[in-house]
């Protein structure tokens, strides 16, 4: 399953002491992909109930990229602060604050850990 690929990617990144900014960017997107898929398995639909994994993956990436564009940057050029801002806005857009589930807490913790490991 694809979430296994993304979970392996996350586990690898989280096991490192330091990360490059680009690694953190990929890790953030992986964390959203894994979280949304696991939520769907539990009957919690962040996107339409009938949305495929591919649609969910692409949707969250589009949302994340759009928030970066709104602050005047791209995923490729985003700074650490830009990423933090986009994560906050993406979480709001996905209404993660309205979901009472440990997966949301885990996702937020993973993102914080990824960002904390970035060396500039």
Protein backbone atom coordinates (compact mmCIF):
# COMPACT_ATOMS: atom_id res chain seq x y z
CA UNK A 1 0.00 0.00 0.00
CA UNK A 2 1.11 3.52 -0.73
CA UNK A 3 0.87 4.69 2.87
CA UNK A 4 3.56 2.12 3.65
CA UNK A 5 5.85 3.90 1.20
CA UNK A 6 5.04 7.26 2.74
CA UNK A 7 5.35 5.88 6.27
CA UNK A 8 8.73 4.39 5.43
CA UNK A 9 9.77 7.76 4.01
CA UNK A 10 8.61 9.51 7.18
CA UNK A 11 10.31 7.00 9.45
CA UNK A 12 13.57 7.47 7.57
CA UNK A 13 13.38 11.25 7.83
CA UNK A 14 12.39 11.21 11.49
CA UNK A 15 15.27 8.90 12.36
CA UNK A 16 17.83 11.40 11.06
CA UNK A 17 19.45 13.97 13.33
CA UNK A 18 19.41 16.70 10.68
CA UNK A 19 17.42 17.34 7.54
CA UNK A 20 17.80 19.49 4.50
CA UNK A 21 14.89 21.82 3.84
CA UNK A 22 13.85 19.81 0.77
CA UNK A 23 13.68 16.62 2.84
CA UNK A 24 11.34 18.32 5.29
CA UNK A 25 9.11 19.51 2.42
CA UNK A 26 8.67 15.95 1.17
CA UNK A 27 8.17 14.69 4.69
CA UNK A 28 5.41 17.19 5.37
CA UNK A 29 3.52 16.09 2.27
CA UNK A 30 4.06 12.44 3.21
CA UNK A 31 2.66 13.10 6.68
CA UNK A 32 -0.53 14.54 5.19
CA UNK A 33 -0.87 11.63 2.78
CA UNK A 34 -0.47 9.01 5.49
CA UNK A 35 -2.75 10.83 7.94
CA UNK A 36 -5.57 11.35 5.44
CA UNK A 37 -5.46 7.72 4.33
CA UNK A 38 -5.48 6.42 7.90
CA UNK A 39 -8.33 8.76 8.81
CA UNK A 40 -10.32 7.48 5.83
CA UNK A 41 -9.77 3.90 7.02
CA UNK A 42 -11.30 4.95 10.34
CA UNK A 43 -14.31 6.44 8.57
CA UNK A 44 -13.20 10.07 8.88
CA UNK A 45 -13.27 11.75 5.50
CA UNK A 46 -11.16 14.87 5.11
CA UNK A 47 -12.05 14.83 1.42
CA UNK A 48 -15.10 13.32 -0.29
CA UNK A 49 -15.97 9.86 0.95
CA UNK A 50 -15.43 8.49 -2.55
CA UNK A 51 -12.06 10.25 -3.10
CA UNK A 52 -9.31 7.87 -4.17
CA UNK A 53 -5.89 7.88 -2.56
CA UNK A 54 -4.51 9.58 -5.65
CA UNK A 55 -7.14 12.33 -5.48
CA UNK A 56 -6.49 12.87 -1.76
CA UNK A 57 -2.72 13.00 -2.33
CA UNK A 58 -2.98 15.47 -5.18
CA UNK A 59 -5.57 17.59 -3.35
CA UNK A 60 -3.47 18.05 -0.24
CA UNK A 61 -0.43 18.92 -2.35
CA UNK A 62 -2.45 21.50 -4.29
CA UNK A 63 -3.79 23.01 -1.05
CA UNK A 64 -0.28 23.19 0.43
CA UNK A 65 1.22 24.69 -2.75
CA UNK A 66 -1.63 27.24 -3.00
CA UNK A 67 -0.96 28.51 0.50
CA UNK A 68 2.71 28.88 -0.33
CA UNK A 69 1.79 30.82 -3.47
CA UNK A 70 -0.49 33.08 -1.41
CA UNK A 71 2.50 34.13 0.66
CA UNK A 72 4.57 34.71 -2.47
CA UNK A 73 6.67 31.58 -2.82
CA UNK A 74 6.67 28.07 -4.25
CA UNK A 75 7.26 24.68 -2.69
CA UNK A 76 10.66 24.62 -4.32
CA UNK A 77 11.67 28.05 -2.96
CA UNK A 78 9.86 28.01 0.40
CA UNK A 79 11.80 28.90 3.54
CA UNK A 80 11.38 27.23 6.91
CA UNK A 81 9.04 30.02 8.02
CA UNK A 82 7.05 29.70 4.80
CA UNK A 83 6.57 25.99 5.46
CA UNK A 84 5.39 26.63 9.02
CA UNK A 85 2.87 29.16 7.74
CA UNK A 86 1.61 26.83 5.00
CA UNK A 87 1.30 23.92 7.45
CA UNK A 88 -0.83 26.03 9.78
CA UNK A 89 -3.10 27.16 6.94
CA UNK A 90 -3.31 23.65 5.44
CA UNK A 91 -4.34 22.22 8.80
CA UNK A 92 -7.06 24.87 9.02
CA UNK A 93 -8.22 24.16 5.46
CA UNK A 94 -8.40 20.42 6.18
CA UNK A 95 -10.28 21.25 9.40
CA UNK A 96 -7.88 19.13 11.42
CA UNK A 97 -8.82 21.16 14.51
CA UNK A 98 -12.35 19.74 14.24
CA UNK A 99 -11.21 16.12 14.15
CA UNK A 100 -10.87 14.43 17.52
CA UNK A 101 -8.39 11.73 16.66
CA UNK A 102 -4.87 10.83 17.78
CA UNK A 103 -3.77 10.67 14.15
CA UNK A 104 -4.07 14.46 13.94
CA UNK A 105 -1.88 14.88 17.02
CA UNK A 106 0.62 12.41 15.58
CA UNK A 107 0.71 14.25 12.26
CA UNK A 108 1.27 17.61 13.94
CA UNK A 109 4.05 16.11 16.07
CA UNK A 110 5.74 14.58 13.01
CA UNK A 111 5.67 17.91 11.17
CA UNK A 112 7.10 19.73 14.20
CA UNK A 113 9.88 17.14 14.44
CA UNK A 114 10.66 17.41 10.73
CA UNK A 115 10.86 21.19 10.87
CA UNK A 116 12.98 21.11 14.03
CA UNK A 117 15.56 18.91 12.29
CA UNK A 118 16.10 21.33 9.39
CA UNK A 119 19.57 22.80 9.20
CA UNK A 120 19.91 26.03 7.27
